Amino acid sequence: MVIAGGGKLGGSGILEKFVELAGGKKAEIVVIPTAGTDMYIAMPKLEEQLRRMFLDLGAAMVYVIHTRDRAEADTPEFTTPVMTATGVWFMGGRQWRLVDAYDKTRTLAELRALLARGGVVGGSSAGATIQGSYLVRGDTSGNTIMMGDHEEGFAFLTNSAIDQHLLKRNRQFDMFPVLQKKPHLLGIGLDEATAVVVSGSRFEVIGKSYVAIYNSRLNTDQFPMLSENDFRPFHLLMEGDMFDLASRTIIQEKNQ
């Protein structure tokens, strides 16, 4: 998974990493813009722009698929591009629109199958949050409500809640009420132009800014001044830092 915090990704290396993981010059990529508004979806030449975003980075083939109709998302015809894709990228917008369109459909099943066969799922902003198991900012009335009328994400990253635009929008403290009610979750806050690349049970930070990890045990081998049971409200990681999702510890900080 490539999970990005939104904003302008150009120059961050995030999209380049996604294409590399999807197979580089052999990559077959599906782009899903469904989180966007109807006005955004209807923009002239949007499909061409989305295709060029990855073709210009060397991908072999790029398809754009979109629906608001869950019944359509449950058909073999709609899911055919996902069945052969090596990578799928979710565009930003509002994450609840992705739930309304694709939850419990053949499309979501094929996305899970893509990950199972070694493909990559990526996304930015709403396309990041949807990859967690708990859907923060999922309320249809506005994006300031952390625990709203849509609470289940696609859970590609299990036991997690993923927020985005972290520092750019001063959201670094917004995860606290979620974890007070659901302390088993790993909270991940991603600033703009920054991503985590998840492989197996670990991830690495790439990009220009910071990733916040909430309510996780610090690696006391690297922080010997802290006691074994010391916790912090959140800890910031930057490019090159790595995190073990199984033990919830920092396993490397190249920039310390």
C-alpha atoms as a PDB file:
ATOM      1  CA  MET A   1       0.000   0.000   0.000  1.00  0.00           C
ATOM      2  CA  VAL A   2       1.019   3.592  -0.670  1.00  0.00           C
ATOM      3  CA  ILE A   3      -0.963   5.866   1.653  1.00  0.00           C
ATOM      4  CA  ALA A   4      -0.494   9.597   1.042  1.00  0.00           C
ATOM      5  CA  GLY A   5      -1.629  12.623   3.007  1.00  0.00           C
ATOM      6  CA  GLY A   6      -2.928  14.775   0.162  1.00  0.00           C
ATOM      7  CA  GLY A   7      -1.806  18.072  -1.316  1.00  0.00           C
ATOM      8  CA  LYS A   8       0.464  18.378  -4.328  1.00  0.00           C
ATOM      9  CA  LEU A   9       2.416  15.153  -4.713  1.00  0.00           C
ATOM     10  CA  GLY A  10       4.699  16.343  -7.499  1.00  0.00           C
ATOM     11  CA  GLY A  11       8.352  16.208  -6.488  1.00  0.00           C
ATOM     12  CA  SER A  12       7.645  14.055  -3.437  1.00  0.00           C
ATOM     13  CA  GLY A  13       8.492  10.754  -5.109  1.00  0.00           C
ATOM     14  CA  ILE A  14       5.184   9.245  -3.985  1.00  0.00           C
ATOM     15  CA  LEU A  15       3.567   8.642  -7.358  1.00  0.00           C
ATOM     16  CA  GLU A  16       6.877   7.447  -8.737  1.00  0.00           C
ATOM     17  CA  LYS A  17       7.121   4.895  -5.917  1.00  0.00           C
ATOM     18  CA  PHE A  18       3.565   3.730  -6.571  1.00  0.00           C
ATOM     19  CA  VAL A  19       4.287   3.155 -10.272  1.00  0.00           C
ATOM     20  CA  GLU A  20       7.524   1.346  -9.407  1.00  0.00           C
ATOM     21  CA  LEU A  21       5.715  -1.005  -7.024  1.00  0.00           C
ATOM     22  CA  ALA A  22       2.991  -1.574  -9.611  1.00  0.00           C
ATOM     23  CA  GLY A  23       5.548  -2.842 -12.103  1.00  0.00           C
ATOM     24  CA  GLY A  24       7.159   0.238 -13.630  1.00  0.00           C
ATOM     25  CA  LYS A  25       7.052   0.045 -17.418  1.00  0.00           C
ATOM     26  CA  LYS A  26       4.786  -3.017 -17.134  1.00  0.00           C
ATOM     27  CA  ALA A  27       2.362  -1.386 -14.691  1.00  0.00           C
ATOM     28  CA  GLU A  28      -1.366  -1.662 -15.412  1.00  0.00           C
ATOM     29  CA  ILE A  29      -3.026   0.962 -13.235  1.00  0.00           C
ATOM     30  CA  VAL A  30      -6.660   1.683 -12.438  1.00  0.00           C
ATOM     31  CA  VAL A  31      -7.546   5.171 -11.157  1.00  0.00           C
ATOM     32  CA  ILE A  32     -10.737   5.632  -9.115  1.00  0.00           C
ATOM     33  CA  PRO A  33     -11.900   9.287  -8.764  1.00  0.00           C
ATOM     34  CA  THR A  34     -15.203   8.428  -7.024  1.00  0.00           C
ATOM     35  CA  ALA A  35     -14.366  10.306  -3.797  1.00  0.00           C
ATOM     36  CA  GLY A  36     -14.654  13.551  -5.766  1.00  0.00           C
ATOM     37  CA  THR A  37     -17.777  15.615  -6.321  1.00  0.00           C
ATOM     38  CA  ASP A  38     -20.013  15.120  -9.354  1.00  0.00           C
ATOM     39  CA  MET A  39     -18.725  18.462 -10.652  1.00  0.00           C
ATOM     40  CA  TYR A  40     -15.156  17.179 -10.400  1.00  0.00           C
ATOM     41  CA  ILE A  41     -16.030  13.902 -12.100  1.00  0.00           C
ATOM     42  CA  ALA A  42     -17.702  15.805 -14.949  1.00  0.00           C
ATOM     43  CA  MET A  43     -14.699  18.039 -15.616  1.00  0.00           C
ATOM     44  CA  PRO A  44     -13.723  18.103 -19.301  1.00  0.00           C
ATOM     45  CA  LYS A  45     -10.772  15.848 -20.078  1.00  0.00           C
ATOM     46  CA  LEU A  46     -10.558  14.598 -16.453  1.00  0.00           C
ATOM     47  CA  GLU A  47     -10.067  11.011 -17.581  1.00  0.00           C
ATOM     48  CA  GLU A  48      -7.292  12.077 -19.934  1.00  0.00           C
ATOM     49  CA  GLN A  49      -5.587  14.034 -17.133  1.00  0.00           C
ATOM     50  CA  LEU A  50      -5.769  11.115 -14.725  1.00  0.00           C
ATOM     51  CA  ARG A  51      -4.398   8.721 -17.313  1.00  0.00           C
ATOM     52  CA  ARG A  52      -1.533  11.070 -18.178  1.00  0.00           C
ATOM     53  CA  MET A  53      -0.641  11.380 -14.474  1.00  0.00           C
ATOM     54  CA  PHE A  54       0.608   7.783 -14.535  1.00  0.00           C
ATOM     55  CA  LEU A  55       1.458   7.293 -18.204  1.00  0.00           C
ATOM     56  CA  ASP A  56       3.928  10.170 -17.926  1.00  0.00           C
ATOM     57  CA  LEU A  57       5.620   8.267 -15.089  1.00  0.00           C
ATOM     58  CA  GLY A  58       6.133   5.234 -17.318  1.00  0.00           C
ATOM     59  CA  ALA A  59       3.080   3.055 -16.646  1.00  0.00           C
ATOM     60  CA  ALA A  60       2.118   0.787 -19.545  1.00  0.00           C
ATOM     61  CA  MET A  61      -1.666   1.085 -19.269  1.00  0.00           C
ATOM     62  CA  VAL A  62      -4.039   3.264 -17.238  1.00  0.00           C
ATOM     63  CA  TYR A  63      -7.799   2.872 -16.889  1.00  0.00           C
ATOM     64  CA  VAL A  64     -10.204   5.199 -15.084  1.00  0.00           C
ATOM     65  CA  ILE A  65     -13.321   3.659 -13.539  1.00  0.00           C
ATOM     66  CA  HIS A  66     -16.124   5.374 -11.631  1.00  0.00           C
ATOM     67  CA  THR A  67     -19.674   4.758 -10.508  1.00  0.00           C
ATOM     68  CA  ARG A  68     -22.094   5.963  -7.849  1.00  0.00           C
ATOM     69  CA  ASP A  69     -24.167   2.805  -8.295  1.00  0.00           C
ATOM     70  CA  ARG A  70     -23.249  -0.056  -5.972  1.00  0.00           C
ATOM     71  CA  ALA A  71     -25.126  -2.488  -8.208  1.00  0.00           C
ATOM     72  CA  GLU A  72     -22.888  -1.521 -11.130  1.00  0.00           C
ATOM     73  CA  ALA A  73     -19.797  -1.859  -8.920  1.00  0.00           C
ATOM     74  CA  ASP A  74     -20.913  -5.430  -8.244  1.00  0.00           C
ATOM     75  CA  THR A  75     -20.799  -6.500 -11.888  1.00  0.00           C
ATOM     76  CA  PRO A  76     -18.000  -8.380 -13.675  1.00  0.00           C
ATOM     77  CA  GLU A  77     -18.035  -5.824 -16.489  1.00  0.00           C
ATOM     78  CA  PHE A  78     -17.212  -2.933 -14.166  1.00  0.00           C
ATOM     79  CA  THR A  79     -14.502  -4.806 -12.270  1.00  0.00           C
ATOM     80  CA  THR A  80     -12.683  -6.250 -15.291  1.00  0.00           C
ATOM     81  CA  PRO A  81      -9.883  -3.614 -15.272  1.00  0.00           C
ATOM     82  CA  VAL A  82      -9.220  -4.275 -11.564  1.00  0.00           C
ATOM     83  CA  MET A  83      -8.973  -8.023 -12.173  1.00  0.00           C
ATOM     84  CA  THR A  84      -5.876  -7.586 -14.336  1.00  0.00           C
ATOM     85  CA  ALA A  85      -4.430  -4.444 -12.724  1.00  0.00           C
ATOM     86  CA  THR A  86      -1.112  -4.353 -10.917  1.00  0.00           C
ATOM     87  CA  GLY A  87      -2.022  -1.142  -9.083  1.00  0.00           C
ATOM     88  CA  VAL A  88      -5.110   0.873  -8.120  1.00  0.00           C
ATOM     89  CA  TRP A  89      -5.007   4.524  -7.073  1.00  0.00           C
ATOM     90  CA  PHE A  90      -7.819   6.321  -5.200  1.00  0.00           C
ATOM     91  CA  MET A  91      -8.093  10.057  -5.795  1.00  0.00           C
ATOM     92  CA  GLY A  92      -9.093  12.498  -3.037  1.00  0.00           C
ATOM     93  CA  GLY A  93     -12.438  13.999  -2.061  1.00  0.00           C
ATOM     94  CA  ARG A  94     -14.732  12.573   0.603  1.00  0.00           C
ATOM     95  CA  GLN A  95     -14.073   9.024   1.728  1.00  0.00           C
ATOM     96  CA  TRP A  96     -17.724   8.190   2.446  1.00  0.00           C
ATOM     97  CA  ARG A  97     -18.445   8.384  -1.296  1.00  0.00           C
ATOM     98  CA  LEU A  98     -16.095   5.441  -1.804  1.00  0.00           C
ATOM     99  CA  VAL A  99     -17.937   3.467   0.873  1.00  0.00           C
ATOM    100  CA  ASP A 100     -21.332   4.220  -0.666  1.00  0.00           C
ATOM    101  CA  ALA A 101     -20.173   3.110  -4.102  1.00  0.00           C
ATOM    102  CA  TYR A 102     -17.955   0.111  -3.423  1.00  0.00           C
ATOM    103  CA  ASP A 103     -18.454  -1.379   0.048  1.00  0.00           C
ATOM    104  CA  LYS A 104     -19.495  -5.038  -0.013  1.00  0.00           C
ATOM    105  CA  THR A 105     -19.240  -5.218  -3.810  1.00  0.00           C
ATOM    106  CA  ARG A 106     -17.301  -7.271  -6.316  1.00  0.00           C
ATOM    107  CA  THR A 107     -15.076  -4.223  -6.840  1.00  0.00           C
ATOM    108  CA  LEU A 108     -13.918  -4.279  -3.217  1.00  0.00           C
ATOM    109  CA  ALA A 109     -13.396  -8.045  -3.402  1.00  0.00           C
ATOM    110  CA  GLU A 110     -11.205  -7.576  -6.475  1.00  0.00           C
ATOM    111  CA  LEU A 111      -9.205  -4.872  -4.692  1.00  0.00           C
ATOM    112  CA  ARG A 112      -8.484  -7.344  -1.899  1.00  0.00           C
ATOM    113  CA  ALA A 113      -7.546  -9.949  -4.504  1.00  0.00           C
ATOM    114  CA  LEU A 114      -5.158  -7.425  -6.091  1.00  0.00           C
ATOM    115  CA  LEU A 115      -3.320  -7.029  -2.784  1.00  0.00           C
ATOM    116  CA  ALA A 116      -3.307 -10.792  -2.251  1.00  0.00           C
ATOM    117  CA  ARG A 117      -1.586 -11.396  -5.596  1.00  0.00           C
ATOM    118  CA  GLY A 118       1.135  -8.865  -4.862  1.00  0.00           C
ATOM    119  CA  GLY A 119      -0.337  -5.735  -6.425  1.00  0.00           C
ATOM    120  CA  VAL A 120      -0.371  -2.300  -4.834  1.00  0.00           C
ATOM    121  CA  VAL A 121      -3.237  -0.079  -3.681  1.00  0.00           C
ATOM    122  CA  GLY A 122      -2.500   3.608  -3.267  1.00  0.00           C
ATOM    123  CA  GLY A 123      -4.376   6.790  -2.637  1.00  0.00           C
ATOM    124  CA  SER A 124      -4.143  10.346  -1.387  1.00  0.00           C
ATOM    125  CA  SER A 125      -6.303  12.289   1.092  1.00  0.00           C
ATOM    126  CA  ALA A 126      -9.678  10.483   1.065  1.00  0.00           C
ATOM    127  CA  GLY A 127      -7.861   7.754  -0.856  1.00  0.00           C
ATOM    128  CA  ALA A 128      -5.589   7.334   2.159  1.00  0.00           C
ATOM    129  CA  THR A 129      -8.267   7.309   4.873  1.00  0.00           C
ATOM    130  CA  ILE A 130     -10.368   4.706   3.042  1.00  0.00           C
ATOM    131  CA  GLN A 131      -7.510   2.206   3.396  1.00  0.00           C
ATOM    132  CA  GLY A 132      -7.839   2.125   7.190  1.00  0.00           C
ATOM    133  CA  SER A 133     -10.359   0.060   9.114  1.00  0.00           C
ATOM    134  CA  TYR A 134     -11.955   2.977  10.988  1.00  0.00           C
ATOM    135  CA  LEU A 135     -13.150   5.793   8.736  1.00  0.00           C
ATOM    136  CA  VAL A 136     -12.285   9.121  10.350  1.00  0.00           C
ATOM    137  CA  ARG A 137     -14.008  12.217   8.915  1.00  0.00           C
ATOM    138  CA  GLY A 138     -16.600   9.934   7.353  1.00  0.00           C
ATOM    139  CA  ASP A 139     -19.652  12.061   8.117  1.00  0.00           C
ATOM    140  CA  THR A 140     -21.686  13.182   5.111  1.00  0.00           C
ATOM    141  CA  SER A 141     -22.447  16.556   6.719  1.00  0.00           C
ATOM    142  CA  GLY A 142     -18.838  17.740   6.847  1.00  0.00           C
ATOM    143  CA  ASN A 143     -15.181  16.750   7.129  1.00  0.00           C
ATOM    144  CA  THR A 144     -14.605  18.208  10.608  1.00  0.00           C
ATOM    145  CA  ILE A 145     -16.560  15.401  12.310  1.00  0.00           C
ATOM    146  CA  MET A 146     -14.100  12.651  13.207  1.00  0.00           C
ATOM    147  CA  MET A 147     -16.665   9.982  14.155  1.00  0.00           C
ATOM    148  CA  GLY A 148     -19.682  10.336  11.901  1.00  0.00           C
ATOM    149  CA  ASP A 149     -22.325   8.425   9.974  1.00  0.00           C
ATOM    150  CA  HIS A 150     -19.773   6.322   8.051  1.00  0.00           C
ATOM    151  CA  GLU A 151     -17.307   4.563  10.355  1.00  0.00           C
ATOM    152  CA  GLU A 152     -16.000   1.575   8.403  1.00  0.00           C
ATOM    153  CA  GLY A 153     -13.195   1.876   5.888  1.00  0.00           C
ATOM    154  CA  PHE A 154     -11.968  -0.817   3.514  1.00  0.00           C
ATOM    155  CA  ALA A 155      -9.496  -2.125   6.139  1.00  0.00           C
ATOM    156  CA  PHE A 156      -6.626  -2.828   3.779  1.00  0.00           C
ATOM    157  CA  LEU A 157      -4.588  -1.755   6.828  1.00  0.00           C
ATOM    158  CA  THR A 158      -6.346  -3.463   9.719  1.00  0.00           C
ATOM    159  CA  ASN A 159      -6.895  -1.979  13.197  1.00  0.00           C
ATOM    160  CA  SER A 160      -6.041   1.495  11.986  1.00  0.00           C
ATOM    161  CA  ALA A 161      -7.482   4.988  11.636  1.00  0.00           C
ATOM    162  CA  ILE A 162      -5.822   7.175   9.002  1.00  0.00           C
ATOM    163  CA  ASP A 163      -6.057  10.964   8.854  1.00  0.00           C
ATOM    164  CA  GLN A 164      -4.602  13.310   6.212  1.00  0.00           C
ATOM    165  CA  HIS A 165      -3.555  16.954   5.579  1.00  0.00           C
ATOM    166  CA  LEU A 166      -2.208  16.664   9.132  1.00  0.00           C
ATOM    167  CA  LEU A 167      -0.004  19.690   9.775  1.00  0.00           C
ATOM    168  CA  LYS A 168      -1.162  21.743   6.807  1.00  0.00           C
ATOM    169  CA  ARG A 169      -4.673  21.873   8.297  1.00  0.00           C
ATOM    170  CA  ASN A 170      -3.627  21.788  11.976  1.00  0.00           C
ATOM    171  CA  ARG A 171      -5.214  18.376  12.535  1.00  0.00           C
ATOM    172  CA  GLN A 172      -2.513  16.847  14.734  1.00  0.00           C
ATOM    173  CA  PHE A 173      -4.760  16.689  17.800  1.00  0.00           C
ATOM    174  CA  ASP A 174      -7.953  15.525  16.064  1.00  0.00           C
ATOM    175  CA  MET A 175      -7.207  11.802  16.461  1.00  0.00           C
ATOM    176  CA  PHE A 176      -7.400  11.896  20.272  1.00  0.00           C
ATOM    177  CA  PRO A 177     -11.203  11.523  20.687  1.00  0.00           C
ATOM    178  CA  VAL A 178     -11.234   8.614  18.232  1.00  0.00           C
ATOM    179  CA  LEU A 179      -8.583   6.699  20.160  1.00  0.00           C
ATOM    180  CA  GLN A 180     -10.222   7.486  23.492  1.00  0.00           C
ATOM    181  CA  LYS A 181     -13.253   5.505  22.310  1.00  0.00           C
ATOM    182  CA  LYS A 182     -11.308   2.957  20.246  1.00  0.00           C
ATOM    183  CA  PRO A 183      -7.922   2.559  21.958  1.00  0.00           C
ATOM    184  CA  HIS A 184      -7.092  -0.636  20.066  1.00  0.00           C
ATOM    185  CA  LEU A 185      -6.617   1.322  16.850  1.00  0.00           C
ATOM    186  CA  LEU A 186      -3.279   2.528  15.547  1.00  0.00           C
ATOM    187  CA  GLY A 187      -3.714   6.176  14.625  1.00  0.00           C
ATOM    188  CA  ILE A 188      -1.754   7.408  11.607  1.00  0.00           C
ATOM    189  CA  GLY A 189      -1.748  11.078  10.629  1.00  0.00           C
ATOM    190  CA  LEU A 190      -0.206  12.007   7.273  1.00  0.00           C
ATOM    191  CA  ASP A 191       0.849  15.492   6.302  1.00  0.00           C
ATOM    192  CA  GLU A 192       0.615  16.675   2.699  1.00  0.00           C
ATOM    193  CA  ALA A 193       3.128  15.431   0.119  1.00  0.00           C
ATOM    194  CA  THR A 194       4.039  12.618   2.536  1.00  0.00           C
ATOM    195  CA  ALA A 195       3.154   8.920   2.520  1.00  0.00           C
ATOM    196  CA  VAL A 196       3.729   5.595   4.180  1.00  0.00           C
ATOM    197  CA  VAL A 197       4.662   2.638   1.996  1.00  0.00           C
ATOM    198  CA  VAL A 198       3.322  -0.506   3.650  1.00  0.00           C
ATOM    199  CA  SER A 199       4.967  -3.842   2.941  1.00  0.00           C
ATOM    200  CA  GLY A 200       4.127  -6.834   5.091  1.00  0.00           C
ATOM    201  CA  SER A 201       4.114  -5.815   8.739  1.00  0.00           C
ATOM    202  CA  ARG A 202       6.096  -2.599   8.371  1.00  0.00           C
ATOM    203  CA  PHE A 203       5.989   0.726   6.646  1.00  0.00           C
ATOM    204  CA  GLU A 204       8.499   3.348   5.545  1.00  0.00           C
ATOM    205  CA  VAL A 205       7.867   7.089   5.355  1.00  0.00           C
ATOM    206  CA  ILE A 206       8.533   8.884   2.071  1.00  0.00           C
ATOM    207  CA  GLY A 207       7.911  12.470   1.019  1.00  0.00           C
ATOM    208  CA  LYS A 208       8.484  16.003   2.205  1.00  0.00           C
ATOM    209  CA  SER A 209       6.916  16.302   5.664  1.00  0.00           C
ATOM    210  CA  TYR A 210       5.878  14.214   8.684  1.00  0.00           C
ATOM    211  CA  VAL A 211       3.743  11.259   9.710  1.00  0.00           C
ATOM    212  CA  ALA A 212       2.269  11.135  13.219  1.00  0.00           C
ATOM    213  CA  ILE A 213       1.864   7.823  15.017  1.00  0.00           C
ATOM    214  CA  TYR A 214      -0.667   7.824  17.877  1.00  0.00           C
ATOM    215  CA  ASN A 215      -0.762   5.763  21.061  1.00  0.00           C
ATOM    216  CA  SER A 216       1.975   3.382  20.000  1.00  0.00           C
ATOM    217  CA  ARG A 217       4.804   2.071  22.148  1.00  0.00           C
ATOM    218  CA  LEU A 218       8.139   3.666  21.349  1.00  0.00           C
ATOM    219  CA  ASN A 219      11.121   1.491  20.570  1.00  0.00           C
ATOM    220  CA  THR A 220      13.012   1.716  23.858  1.00  0.00           C
ATOM    221  CA  ASP A 221      16.201   0.325  22.270  1.00  0.00           C
ATOM    222  CA  GLN A 222      16.463   3.570  20.325  1.00  0.00           C
ATOM    223  CA  PHE A 223      15.140   5.736  23.154  1.00  0.00           C
ATOM    224  CA  PRO A 224      16.910   4.321  26.242  1.00  0.00           C
ATOM    225  CA  MET A 225      16.088   7.403  28.306  1.00  0.00           C
ATOM    226  CA  LEU A 226      12.431   6.318  28.265  1.00  0.00           C
ATOM    227  CA  SER A 227      11.017   3.635  30.513  1.00  0.00           C
ATOM    228  CA  GLU A 228       9.654   0.388  29.073  1.00  0.00           C
ATOM    229  CA  ASN A 229       6.058   1.521  29.578  1.00  0.00           C
ATOM    230  CA  ASP A 230       6.457   5.102  28.381  1.00  0.00           C
ATOM    231  CA  PHE A 231       3.872   6.388  25.922  1.00  0.00           C
ATOM    232  CA  ARG A 232       3.539   9.699  24.105  1.00  0.00           C
ATOM    233  CA  PRO A 233       0.356  11.211  22.640  1.00  0.00           C
ATOM    234  CA  PHE A 234       1.945  10.986  19.203  1.00  0.00           C
ATOM    235  CA  HIS A 235       5.378  10.616  17.678  1.00  0.00           C
ATOM    236  CA  LEU A 236       6.514  12.198  14.422  1.00  0.00           C
ATOM    237  CA  LEU A 237       8.321  10.253  11.728  1.00  0.00           C
ATOM    238  CA  MET A 238       9.961  11.666   8.610  1.00  0.00           C
ATOM    239  CA  GLU A 239      11.321  10.362   5.327  1.00  0.00           C
ATOM    240  CA  GLY A 240      13.354   7.193   5.773  1.00  0.00           C
ATOM    241  CA  ASP A 241      11.896   6.331   9.171  1.00  0.00           C
ATOM    242  CA  MET A 242      10.352   2.880   9.494  1.00  0.00           C
ATOM    243  CA  PHE A 243       7.670   1.441  11.731  1.00  0.00           C
ATOM    244  CA  ASP A 244       6.767  -2.111  12.748  1.00  0.00           C
ATOM    245  CA  LEU A 245       2.992  -2.518  12.584  1.00  0.00           C
ATOM    246  CA  ALA A 246       2.985  -5.811  14.493  1.00  0.00           C
ATOM    247  CA  SER A 247       4.889  -4.606  17.566  1.00  0.00           C
ATOM    248  CA  ARG A 248       3.941  -0.944  17.025  1.00  0.00           C
ATOM    249  CA  THR A 249       7.484   0.224  17.459  1.00  0.00           C
ATOM    250  CA  ILE A 250       9.847   2.434  15.514  1.00  0.00           C
ATOM    251  CA  ILE A 251      12.414   0.141  13.937  1.00  0.00           C
ATOM    252  CA  GLN A 252      14.593   2.749  12.280  1.00  0.00           C
ATOM    253  CA  GLU A 253      15.007   6.484  12.282  1.00  0.00           C
ATOM    254  CA  LYS A 254      17.611   7.438   9.690  1.00  0.00           C
ATOM    255  CA  ASN A 255      17.319  11.126  10.479  1.00  0.00           C
ATOM    256  CA  GLN A 256      17.852  11.027  14.245  1.00  0.00           C
END
